[in-house]
Amino acid sequence: MSKSVGYYTACPEAENLVKLYGDKDLDKLPQIDQAGLLVVLSLFIYYENAYPGSIRNFELACLNTLNCDDDYTTDEIQGALTILENISKDDAIGLLQFLLQ
């Protein structure tokens, strides 16, 4: 049985994400976009560890993940990324755990 996002993180970004896309498994967000979020969040955490405190780490993770020829995400991912643009590293880890469950 899957757990709600609140089990992993109580950040407002995650709460807003599930309000818009579904409270248990983000079922209103296409699976390709969910996979894209996993990659963006993973790269963001990597950048946060490599370049701590840089204000562009999330933006850079988005550009390096989705600004390429093999990006098949839908337009829906932009809404999710806008919600997550100010997420902290710790909350991003919690959101990753939620997405991977």
PDB file of N, CA and C in Angstrom:
ATOM      1  N   MET A   1       0.845  -1.180   0.000  1.00  0.00           N
ATOM      2  CA  MET A   1       0.000   0.000   0.000  1.00  0.00           C
ATOM      3  C   MET A   1       0.887   1.238   0.000  1.00  0.00           C
ATOM      4  N   SER A   2       0.580   2.170  -0.859  1.00  0.00           N
ATOM      5  CA  SER A   2       1.402   3.370  -0.946  1.00  0.00           C
ATOM      6  C   SER A   2       1.036   4.353   0.164  1.00  0.00           C
ATOM      7  N   LYS A   3       2.030   5.113   0.573  1.00  0.00           N
ATOM      8  CA  LYS A   3       1.851   6.101   1.634  1.00  0.00           C
ATOM      9  C   LYS A   3       1.690   7.479   0.998  1.00  0.00           C
ATOM     10  N   SER A   4       1.033   8.371   1.710  1.00  0.00           N
ATOM     11  CA  SER A   4       0.860   9.731   1.210  1.00  0.00           C
ATOM     12  C   SER A   4       2.172  10.492   1.306  1.00  0.00           C
ATOM     13  N   VAL A   5       2.238  11.609   0.615  1.00  0.00           N
ATOM     14  CA  VAL A   5       3.455  12.413   0.596  1.00  0.00           C
ATOM     15  C   VAL A   5       3.822  12.898   1.996  1.00  0.00           C
ATOM     16  N   GLY A   6       2.821  13.119   2.854  1.00  0.00           N
ATOM     17  CA  GLY A   6       3.075  13.589   4.211  1.00  0.00           C
ATOM     18  C   GLY A   6       3.893  12.625   5.056  1.00  0.00           C
ATOM     19  N   TYR A   7       3.918  11.365   4.672  1.00  0.00           N
ATOM     20  CA  TYR A   7       4.748  10.386   5.368  1.00  0.00           C
ATOM     21  C   TYR A   7       6.226  10.683   5.139  1.00  0.00           C
ATOM     22  N   TYR A   8       6.556  11.237   3.981  1.00  0.00           N
ATOM     23  CA  TYR A   8       7.947  11.480   3.587  1.00  0.00           C
ATOM     24  C   TYR A   8       8.405  12.914   3.796  1.00  0.00           C
ATOM     25  N   THR A   9       7.511  13.867   3.569  1.00  0.00           N
ATOM     26  CA  THR A   9       7.850  15.277   3.748  1.00  0.00           C
ATOM     27  C   THR A   9       6.566  16.083   3.906  1.00  0.00           C
ATOM     28  N   ALA A  10       6.645  17.124   4.699  1.00  0.00           N
ATOM     29  CA  ALA A  10       5.481  17.984   4.913  1.00  0.00           C
ATOM     30  C   ALA A  10       5.683  19.348   4.272  1.00  0.00           C
ATOM     31  N   CYS A  11       6.568  19.425   3.306  1.00  0.00           N
ATOM     32  CA  CYS A  11       6.860  20.727   2.697  1.00  0.00           C
ATOM     33  C   CYS A  11       5.667  21.211   1.867  1.00  0.00           C
ATOM     34  N   PRO A  12       5.474  22.515   1.781  1.00  0.00           N
ATOM     35  CA  PRO A  12       4.347  23.060   1.024  1.00  0.00           C
ATOM     36  C   PRO A  12       4.416  22.706  -0.461  1.00  0.00           C
ATOM     37  N   GLU A  13       5.619  22.568  -1.007  1.00  0.00           N
ATOM     38  CA  GLU A  13       5.745  22.223  -2.424  1.00  0.00           C
ATOM     39  C   GLU A  13       5.140  20.849  -2.707  1.00  0.00           C
ATOM     40  N   ALA A  14       5.446  19.888  -1.864  1.00  0.00           N
ATOM     41  CA  ALA A  14       4.909  18.538  -2.048  1.00  0.00           C
ATOM     42  C   ALA A  14       3.392  18.528  -1.851  1.00  0.00           C
ATOM     43  N   GLU A  15       2.926  19.263  -0.856  1.00  0.00           N
ATOM     44  CA  GLU A  15       1.479  19.337  -0.619  1.00  0.00           C
ATOM     45  C   GLU A  15       0.761  19.939  -1.818  1.00  0.00           C
ATOM     46  N   ASN A  16       1.321  20.994  -2.406  1.00  0.00           N
ATOM     47  CA  ASN A  16       0.717  21.612  -3.588  1.00  0.00           C
ATOM     48  C   ASN A  16       0.765  20.675  -4.791  1.00  0.00           C
ATOM     49  N   LEU A  17       1.828  19.912  -4.894  1.00  0.00           N
ATOM     50  CA  LEU A  17       1.967  18.957  -5.990  1.00  0.00           C
ATOM     51  C   LEU A  17       0.867  17.895  -5.924  1.00  0.00           C
ATOM     52  N   VAL A  18       0.641  17.345  -4.751  1.00  0.00           N
ATOM     53  CA  VAL A  18      -0.389  16.302  -4.634  1.00  0.00           C
ATOM     54  C   VAL A  18      -1.808  16.872  -4.731  1.00  0.00           C
ATOM     55  N   LYS A  19      -2.008  18.122  -4.328  1.00  0.00           N
ATOM     56  CA  LYS A  19      -3.320  18.747  -4.502  1.00  0.00           C
ATOM     57  C   LYS A  19      -3.676  18.844  -5.984  1.00  0.00           C
ATOM     58  N   LEU A  20      -2.681  19.130  -6.791  1.00  0.00           N
ATOM     59  CA  LEU A  20      -2.914  19.311  -8.218  1.00  0.00           C
ATOM     60  C   LEU A  20      -2.940  17.986  -8.984  1.00  0.00           C
ATOM     61  N   TYR A  21      -2.107  17.026  -8.598  1.00  0.00           N
ATOM     62  CA  TYR A  21      -1.926  15.819  -9.411  1.00  0.00           C
ATOM     63  C   TYR A  21      -2.379  14.515  -8.757  1.00  0.00           C
ATOM     64  N   GLY A  22      -2.878  14.546  -7.541  1.00  0.00           N
ATOM     65  CA  GLY A  22      -3.366  13.327  -6.907  1.00  0.00           C
ATOM     66  C   GLY A  22      -2.643  13.047  -5.609  1.00  0.00           C
ATOM     67  N   ASP A  23      -3.393  12.618  -4.593  1.00  0.00           N
ATOM     68  CA  ASP A  23      -2.847  12.544  -3.248  1.00  0.00           C
ATOM     69  C   ASP A  23      -2.066  11.284  -2.913  1.00  0.00           C
ATOM     70  N   LYS A  24      -2.163  10.242  -3.667  1.00  0.00           N
ATOM     71  CA  LYS A  24      -1.421   9.018  -3.341  1.00  0.00           C
ATOM     72  C   LYS A  24      -0.287   8.736  -4.312  1.00  0.00           C
ATOM     73  N   ASP A  25      -0.534   8.893  -5.584  1.00  0.00           N
ATOM     74  CA  ASP A  25       0.494   8.491  -6.551  1.00  0.00           C
ATOM     75  C   ASP A  25       0.646   9.458  -7.729  1.00  0.00           C
ATOM     76  N   LEU A  26       0.170  10.675  -7.565  1.00  0.00           N
ATOM     77  CA  LEU A  26       0.246  11.680  -8.639  1.00  0.00           C
ATOM     78  C   LEU A  26      -0.328  11.143  -9.945  1.00  0.00           C
ATOM     79  N   ASP A  27      -1.448  10.415  -9.858  1.00  0.00           N
ATOM     80  CA  ASP A  27      -2.008   9.738 -11.021  1.00  0.00           C
ATOM     81  C   ASP A  27      -2.514  10.683 -12.107  1.00  0.00           C
ATOM     82  N   LYS A  28      -2.662  11.967 -11.796  1.00  0.00           N
ATOM     83  CA  LYS A  28      -3.086  12.935 -12.812  1.00  0.00           C
ATOM     84  C   LYS A  28      -1.898  13.493 -13.596  1.00  0.00           C
ATOM     85  N   LEU A  29      -0.706  13.120 -13.208  1.00  0.00           N
ATOM     86  CA  LEU A  29       0.512  13.530 -13.917  1.00  0.00           C
ATOM     87  C   LEU A  29       1.002  12.328 -14.722  1.00  0.00           C
ATOM     88  N   PRO A  30       1.184  12.491 -16.045  1.00  0.00           N
ATOM     89  CA  PRO A  30       1.622  11.353 -16.862  1.00  0.00           C
ATOM     90  C   PRO A  30       2.889  10.697 -16.308  1.00  0.00           C
ATOM     91  N   GLN A  31       2.999   9.386 -16.477  1.00  0.00           N
ATOM     92  CA  GLN A  31       4.149   8.650 -15.949  1.00  0.00           C
ATOM     93  C   GLN A  31       5.468   9.177 -16.500  1.00  0.00           C
ATOM     94  N   ILE A  32       5.497   9.609 -17.747  1.00  0.00           N
ATOM     95  CA  ILE A  32       6.747  10.139 -18.317  1.00  0.00           C
ATOM     96  C   ILE A  32       7.162  11.398 -17.566  1.00  0.00           C
ATOM     97  N   ASP A  33       6.188  12.189 -17.132  1.00  0.00           N
ATOM     98  CA  ASP A  33       6.497  13.402 -16.368  1.00  0.00           C
ATOM     99  C   ASP A  33       6.932  13.051 -14.948  1.00  0.00           C
ATOM    100  N   GLN A  34       6.344  12.020 -14.366  1.00  0.00           N
ATOM    101  CA  GLN A  34       6.787  11.558 -13.056  1.00  0.00           C
ATOM    102  C   GLN A  34       8.244  11.098 -13.129  1.00  0.00           C
ATOM    103  N   ALA A  35       8.586  10.390 -14.199  1.00  0.00           N
ATOM    104  CA  ALA A  35       9.975   9.955 -14.385  1.00  0.00           C
ATOM    105  C   ALA A  35      10.889  11.165 -14.566  1.00  0.00           C
ATOM    106  N   GLY A  36      10.424  12.159 -15.302  1.00  0.00           N
ATOM    107  CA  GLY A  36      11.197  13.381 -15.478  1.00  0.00           C
ATOM    108  C   GLY A  36      11.442  14.084 -14.158  1.00  0.00           C
ATOM    109  N   LEU A  37      10.423  14.112 -13.286  1.00  0.00           N
ATOM    110  CA  LEU A  37      10.589  14.711 -11.956  1.00  0.00           C
ATOM    111  C   LEU A  37      11.639  13.966 -11.147  1.00  0.00           C
ATOM    112  N   LEU A  38      11.654  12.643 -11.252  1.00  0.00           N
ATOM    113  CA  LEU A  38      12.667  11.856 -10.546  1.00  0.00           C
ATOM    114  C   LEU A  38      14.069  12.268 -10.973  1.00  0.00           C
ATOM    115  N   VAL A  39      14.256  12.442 -12.268  1.00  0.00           N
ATOM    116  CA  VAL A  39      15.579  12.814 -12.786  1.00  0.00           C
ATOM    117  C   VAL A  39      15.939  14.230 -12.349  1.00  0.00           C
ATOM    118  N   VAL A  40      14.999  15.157 -12.479  1.00  0.00           N
ATOM    119  CA  VAL A  40      15.264  16.548 -12.084  1.00  0.00           C
ATOM    120  C   VAL A  40      15.618  16.624 -10.602  1.00  0.00           C
ATOM    121  N   LEU A  41      14.826  15.983  -9.767  1.00  0.00           N
ATOM    122  CA  LEU A  41      15.083  16.029  -8.322  1.00  0.00           C
ATOM    123  C   LEU A  41      16.413  15.367  -7.970  1.00  0.00           C
ATOM    124  N   SER A  42      16.729  14.265  -8.631  1.00  0.00           N
ATOM    125  CA  SER A  42      18.014  13.596  -8.382  1.00  0.00           C
ATOM    126  C   SER A  42      19.180  14.488  -8.772  1.00  0.00           C
ATOM    127  N   LEU A  43      19.084  15.110  -9.929  1.00  0.00           N
ATOM    128  CA  LEU A  43      20.156  16.003 -10.385  1.00  0.00           C
ATOM    129  C   LEU A  43      20.244  17.239  -9.486  1.00  0.00           C
ATOM    130  N   PHE A  44      19.107  17.743  -9.042  1.00  0.00           N
ATOM    131  CA  PHE A  44      19.099  18.875  -8.116  1.00  0.00           C
ATOM    132  C   PHE A  44      19.847  18.519  -6.833  1.00  0.00           C
ATOM    133  N   ILE A  45      19.575  17.349  -6.276  1.00  0.00           N
ATOM    134  CA  ILE A  45      20.268  16.921  -5.055  1.00  0.00           C
ATOM    135  C   ILE A  45      21.756  16.769  -5.315  1.00  0.00           C
ATOM    136  N   TYR A  46      22.113  16.242  -6.464  1.00  0.00           N
ATOM    137  CA  TYR A  46      23.527  16.126  -6.835  1.00  0.00           C
ATOM    138  C   TYR A  46      24.182  17.507  -6.868  1.00  0.00           C
ATOM    139  N   TYR A  47      23.534  18.460  -7.544  1.00  0.00           N
ATOM    140  CA  TYR A  47      24.086  19.819  -7.629  1.00  0.00           C
ATOM    141  C   TYR A  47      24.162  20.474  -6.251  1.00  0.00           C
ATOM    142  N   GLU A  48      23.160  20.243  -5.415  1.00  0.00           N
ATOM    143  CA  GLU A  48      23.183  20.809  -4.064  1.00  0.00           C
ATOM    144  C   GLU A  48      24.375  20.286  -3.270  1.00  0.00           C
ATOM    145  N   ASN A  49      24.749  19.044  -3.495  1.00  0.00           N
ATOM    146  CA  ASN A  49      25.916  18.490  -2.807  1.00  0.00           C
ATOM    147  C   ASN A  49      27.217  18.963  -3.445  1.00  0.00           C
ATOM    148  N   ALA A  50      27.222  19.104  -4.762  1.00  0.00           N
ATOM    149  CA  ALA A  50      28.437  19.529  -5.463  1.00  0.00           C
ATOM    150  C   ALA A  50      28.664  21.035  -5.344  1.00  0.00           C
ATOM    151  N   TYR A  51      27.593  21.814  -5.396  1.00  0.00           N
ATOM    152  CA  TYR A  51      27.673  23.280  -5.354  1.00  0.00           C
ATOM    153  C   TYR A  51      26.698  23.798  -4.296  1.00  0.00           C
ATOM    154  N   PRO A  52      26.965  23.567  -3.030  1.00  0.00           N
ATOM    155  CA  PRO A  52      26.000  23.906  -1.970  1.00  0.00           C
ATOM    156  C   PRO A  52      25.597  25.377  -1.990  1.00  0.00           C
ATOM    157  N   GLY A  53      24.286  25.587  -1.843  1.00  0.00           N
ATOM    158  CA  GLY A  53      23.779  26.942  -1.709  1.00  0.00           C
ATOM    159  C   GLY A  53      23.599  27.723  -2.993  1.00  0.00           C
ATOM    160  N   SER A  54      23.943  27.162  -4.126  1.00  0.00           N
ATOM    161  CA  SER A  54      23.754  27.884  -5.379  1.00  0.00           C
ATOM    162  C   SER A  54      22.261  28.064  -5.630  1.00  0.00           C
ATOM    163  N   ILE A  55      21.860  29.276  -5.921  1.00  0.00           N
ATOM    164  CA  ILE A  55      20.434  29.541  -6.112  1.00  0.00           C
ATOM    165  C   ILE A  55      19.925  29.013  -7.450  1.00  0.00           C
ATOM    166  N   ARG A  56      20.817  28.606  -8.331  1.00  0.00           N
ATOM    167  CA  ARG A  56      20.402  28.129  -9.650  1.00  0.00           C
ATOM    168  C   ARG A  56      20.384  26.609  -9.764  1.00  0.00           C
ATOM    169  N   ASN A  57      20.628  25.883  -8.704  1.00  0.00           N
ATOM    170  CA  ASN A  57      20.736  24.439  -8.810  1.00  0.00           C
ATOM    171  C   ASN A  57      19.473  23.777  -9.350  1.00  0.00           C
ATOM    172  N   PHE A  58      18.288  24.199  -8.909  1.00  0.00           N
ATOM    173  CA  PHE A  58      17.059  23.594  -9.416  1.00  0.00           C
ATOM    174  C   PHE A  58      16.863  23.941 -10.882  1.00  0.00           C
ATOM    175  N   GLU A  59      17.071  25.194 -11.211  1.00  0.00           N
ATOM    176  CA  GLU A  59      16.941  25.627 -12.606  1.00  0.00           C
ATOM    177  C   GLU A  59      17.924  24.871 -13.501  1.00  0.00           C
ATOM    178  N   LEU A  60      19.132  24.719 -13.047  1.00  0.00           N
ATOM    179  CA  LEU A  60      20.152  23.997 -13.813  1.00  0.00           C
ATOM    180  C   LEU A  60      19.771  22.529 -13.985  1.00  0.00           C
ATOM    181  N   ALA A  61      19.236  21.919 -12.943  1.00  0.00           N
ATOM    182  CA  ALA A  61      18.786  20.525 -13.035  1.00  0.00           C
ATOM    183  C   ALA A  61      17.668  20.390 -14.064  1.00  0.00           C
ATOM    184  N   CYS A  62      16.747  21.334 -14.082  1.00  0.00           N
ATOM    185  CA  CYS A  62      15.658  21.305 -15.068  1.00  0.00           C
ATOM    186  C   CYS A  62      16.200  21.445 -16.488  1.00  0.00           C
ATOM    187  N   LEU A  63      17.081  22.407 -16.681  1.00  0.00           N
ATOM    188  CA  LEU A  63      17.644  22.628 -18.019  1.00  0.00           C
ATOM    189  C   LEU A  63      18.428  21.418 -18.508  1.00  0.00           C
ATOM    190  N   ASN A  64      19.232  20.839 -17.645  1.00  0.00           N
ATOM    191  CA  ASN A  64      20.061  19.714 -18.053  1.00  0.00           C
ATOM    192  C   ASN A  64      19.265  18.422 -18.234  1.00  0.00           C
ATOM    193  N   THR A  65      18.097  18.352 -17.651  1.00  0.00           N
ATOM    194  CA  THR A  65      17.263  17.169 -17.803  1.00  0.00           C
ATOM    195  C   THR A  65      16.304  17.293 -18.975  1.00  0.00           C
ATOM    196  N   LEU A  66      15.669  18.439 -19.115  1.00  0.00           N
ATOM    197  CA  LEU A  66      14.557  18.575 -20.051  1.00  0.00           C
ATOM    198  C   LEU A  66      14.882  19.372 -21.306  1.00  0.00           C
ATOM    199  N   ASN A  67      16.032  19.951 -21.388  1.00  0.00           N
ATOM    200  CA  ASN A  67      16.406  20.752 -22.547  1.00  0.00           C
ATOM    201  C   ASN A  67      17.324  19.929 -23.452  1.00  0.00           C
ATOM    202  N   CYS A  68      16.783  18.833 -23.959  1.00  0.00           N
ATOM    203  CA  CYS A  68      17.578  17.965 -24.817  1.00  0.00           C
ATOM    204  C   CYS A  68      16.680  17.334 -25.880  1.00  0.00           C
ATOM    205  N   ASP A  69      17.279  16.750 -26.870  1.00  0.00           N
ATOM    206  CA  ASP A  69      16.515  16.173 -27.980  1.00  0.00           C
ATOM    207  C   ASP A  69      15.678  14.966 -27.575  1.00  0.00           C
ATOM    208  N   ASP A  70      16.076  14.271 -26.539  1.00  0.00           N
ATOM    209  CA  ASP A  70      15.332  13.072 -26.152  1.00  0.00           C
ATOM    210  C   ASP A  70      14.391  13.309 -24.966  1.00  0.00           C
ATOM    211  N   ASP A  71      13.882  14.512 -24.835  1.00  0.00           N
ATOM    212  CA  ASP A  71      12.908  14.843 -23.796  1.00  0.00           C
ATOM    213  C   ASP A  71      11.506  14.556 -24.332  1.00  0.00           C
ATOM    214  N   TYR A  72      10.824  13.603 -23.717  1.00  0.00           N
ATOM    215  CA  TYR A  72       9.483  13.225 -24.146  1.00  0.00           C
ATOM    216  C   TYR A  72       8.414  13.592 -23.125  1.00  0.00           C
ATOM    217  N   THR A  73       8.770  14.442 -22.166  1.00  0.00           N
ATOM    218  CA  THR A  73       7.787  14.856 -21.179  1.00  0.00           C
ATOM    219  C   THR A  73       6.697  15.687 -21.847  1.00  0.00           C
ATOM    220  N   THR A  74       5.558  15.776 -21.175  1.00  0.00           N
ATOM    221  CA  THR A  74       4.446  16.572 -21.690  1.00  0.00           C
ATOM    222  C   THR A  74       4.502  17.977 -21.098  1.00  0.00           C
ATOM    223  N   ASP A  75       3.613  18.816 -21.531  1.00  0.00           N
ATOM    224  CA  ASP A  75       3.547  20.181 -20.999  1.00  0.00           C
ATOM    225  C   ASP A  75       3.158  20.205 -19.522  1.00  0.00           C
ATOM    226  N   GLU A  76       2.538  19.140 -19.045  1.00  0.00           N
ATOM    227  CA  GLU A  76       2.129  19.058 -17.638  1.00  0.00           C
ATOM    228  C   GLU A  76       3.306  19.201 -16.681  1.00  0.00           C
ATOM    229  N   ILE A  77       4.483  18.780 -17.091  1.00  0.00           N
ATOM    230  CA  ILE A  77       5.631  18.822 -16.181  1.00  0.00           C
ATOM    231  C   ILE A  77       5.989  20.253 -15.790  1.00  0.00           C
ATOM    232  N   GLN A  78       5.680  21.209 -16.644  1.00  0.00           N
ATOM    233  CA  GLN A  78       6.021  22.595 -16.328  1.00  0.00           C
ATOM    234  C   GLN A  78       5.291  23.085 -15.080  1.00  0.00           C
ATOM    235  N   GLY A  79       4.028  22.678 -14.919  1.00  0.00           N
ATOM    236  CA  GLY A  79       3.285  23.049 -13.714  1.00  0.00           C
ATOM    237  C   GLY A  79       3.916  22.456 -12.471  1.00  0.00           C
ATOM    238  N   ALA A  80       4.335  21.203 -12.567  1.00  0.00           N
ATOM    239  CA  ALA A  80       4.977  20.534 -11.424  1.00  0.00           C
ATOM    240  C   ALA A  80       6.306  21.207 -11.088  1.00  0.00           C
ATOM    241  N   LEU A  81       7.078  21.548 -12.103  1.00  0.00           N
ATOM    242  CA  LEU A  81       8.376  22.182 -11.873  1.00  0.00           C
ATOM    243  C   LEU A  81       8.218  23.570 -11.270  1.00  0.00           C
ATOM    244  N   THR A  82       7.197  24.284 -11.684  1.00  0.00           N
ATOM    245  CA  THR A  82       6.935  25.603 -11.107  1.00  0.00           C
ATOM    246  C   THR A  82       6.631  25.482  -9.618  1.00  0.00           C
ATOM    247  N   ILE A  83       5.864  24.471  -9.252  1.00  0.00           N
ATOM    248  CA  ILE A  83       5.548  24.235  -7.843  1.00  0.00           C
ATOM    249  C   ILE A  83       6.821  23.924  -7.050  1.00  0.00           C
ATOM    250  N   LEU A  84       7.741  23.183  -7.651  1.00  0.00           N
ATOM    251  CA  LEU A  84       8.917  22.694  -6.932  1.00  0.00           C
ATOM    252  C   LEU A  84      10.140  23.601  -7.002  1.00  0.00           C
ATOM    253  N   GLU A  85      10.059  24.729  -7.676  1.00  0.00           N
ATOM    254  CA  GLU A  85      11.252  25.532  -7.946  1.00  0.00           C
ATOM    255  C   GLU A  85      11.995  26.017  -6.705  1.00  0.00           C
ATOM    256  N   ASN A  86      11.345  26.082  -5.558  1.00  0.00           N
ATOM    257  CA  ASN A  86      12.018  26.544  -4.334  1.00  0.00           C
ATOM    258  C   ASN A  86      12.179  25.446  -3.291  1.00  0.00           C
ATOM    259  N   ILE A  87      12.078  24.199  -3.696  1.00  0.00           N
ATOM    260  CA  ILE A  87      12.171  23.083  -2.758  1.00  0.00           C
ATOM    261  C   ILE A  87      13.586  22.978  -2.190  1.00  0.00           C
ATOM    262  N   SER A  88      13.676  22.605  -0.929  1.00  0.00           N
ATOM    263  CA  SER A  88      14.991  22.413  -0.304  1.00  0.00           C
ATOM    264  C   SER A  88      15.523  21.025  -0.657  1.00  0.00           C
ATOM    265  N   LYS A  89      16.812  20.832  -0.433  1.00  0.00           N
ATOM    266  CA  LYS A  89      17.427  19.536  -0.706  1.00  0.00           C
ATOM    267  C   LYS A  89      16.783  18.440   0.140  1.00  0.00           C
ATOM    268  N   ASP A  90      16.578  18.690   1.411  1.00  0.00           N
ATOM    269  CA  ASP A  90      15.985  17.675   2.288  1.00  0.00           C
ATOM    270  C   ASP A  90      14.563  17.320   1.861  1.00  0.00           C
ATOM    271  N   ASP A  91      13.786  18.326   1.490  1.00  0.00           N
ATOM    272  CA  ASP A  91      12.420  18.056   1.040  1.00  0.00           C
ATOM    273  C   ASP A  91      12.419  17.357  -0.321  1.00  0.00           C
ATOM    274  N   ALA A  92      13.392  17.665  -1.165  1.00  0.00           N
ATOM    275  CA  ALA A  92      13.516  16.970  -2.449  1.00  0.00           C
ATOM    276  C   ALA A  92      13.803  15.490  -2.226  1.00  0.00           C
ATOM    277  N   ILE A  93      14.608  15.175  -1.229  1.00  0.00           N
ATOM    278  CA  ILE A  93      14.889  13.766  -0.893  1.00  0.00           C
ATOM    279  C   ILE A  93      13.600  13.076  -0.459  1.00  0.00           C
ATOM    280  N   GLY A  94      12.807  13.726   0.387  1.00  0.00           N
ATOM    281  CA  GLY A  94      11.529  13.163   0.814  1.00  0.00           C
ATOM    282  C   GLY A  94      10.578  12.955  -0.344  1.00  0.00           C
ATOM    283  N   LEU A  95      10.544  13.917  -1.257  1.00  0.00           N
ATOM    284  CA  LEU A  95       9.674  13.794  -2.421  1.00  0.00           C
ATOM    285  C   LEU A  95      10.144  12.657  -3.332  1.00  0.00           C
ATOM    286  N   LEU A  96      11.445  12.499  -3.466  1.00  0.00           N
ATOM    287  CA  LEU A  96      11.978  11.355  -4.230  1.00  0.00           C
ATOM    288  C   LEU A  96      11.523  10.038  -3.621  1.00  0.00           C
ATOM    289  N   GLN A  97      11.589   9.942  -2.311  1.00  0.00           N
ATOM    290  CA  GLN A  97      11.159   8.710  -1.629  1.00  0.00           C
ATOM    291  C   GLN A  97       9.683   8.455  -1.901  1.00  0.00           C
ATOM    292  N   PHE A  98       8.877   9.502  -1.881  1.00  0.00           N
ATOM    293  CA  PHE A  98       7.446   9.381  -2.181  1.00  0.00           C
ATOM    294  C   PHE A  98       7.239   8.876  -3.611  1.00  0.00           C
ATOM    295  N   LEU A  99       7.949   9.452  -4.558  1.00  0.00           N
ATOM    296  CA  LEU A  99       7.787   9.073  -5.968  1.00  0.00           C
ATOM    297  C   LEU A  99       8.275   7.643  -6.244  1.00  0.00           C
ATOM    298  N   LEU A 100       9.255   7.198  -5.497  1.00  0.00           N
ATOM    299  CA  LEU A 100       9.838   5.882  -5.721  1.00  0.00           C
ATOM    300  C   LEU A 100       9.109   4.745  -5.007  1.00  0.00           C
ATOM    301  N   GLN A 101       8.222   5.056  -4.103  1.00  0.00           N
ATOM    302  CA  GLN A 101       7.559   4.000  -3.323  1.00  0.00           C
ATOM    303  C   GLN A 101       6.765   3.040  -4.188  1.00  0.00           C
TER     304      GLN A 101
END
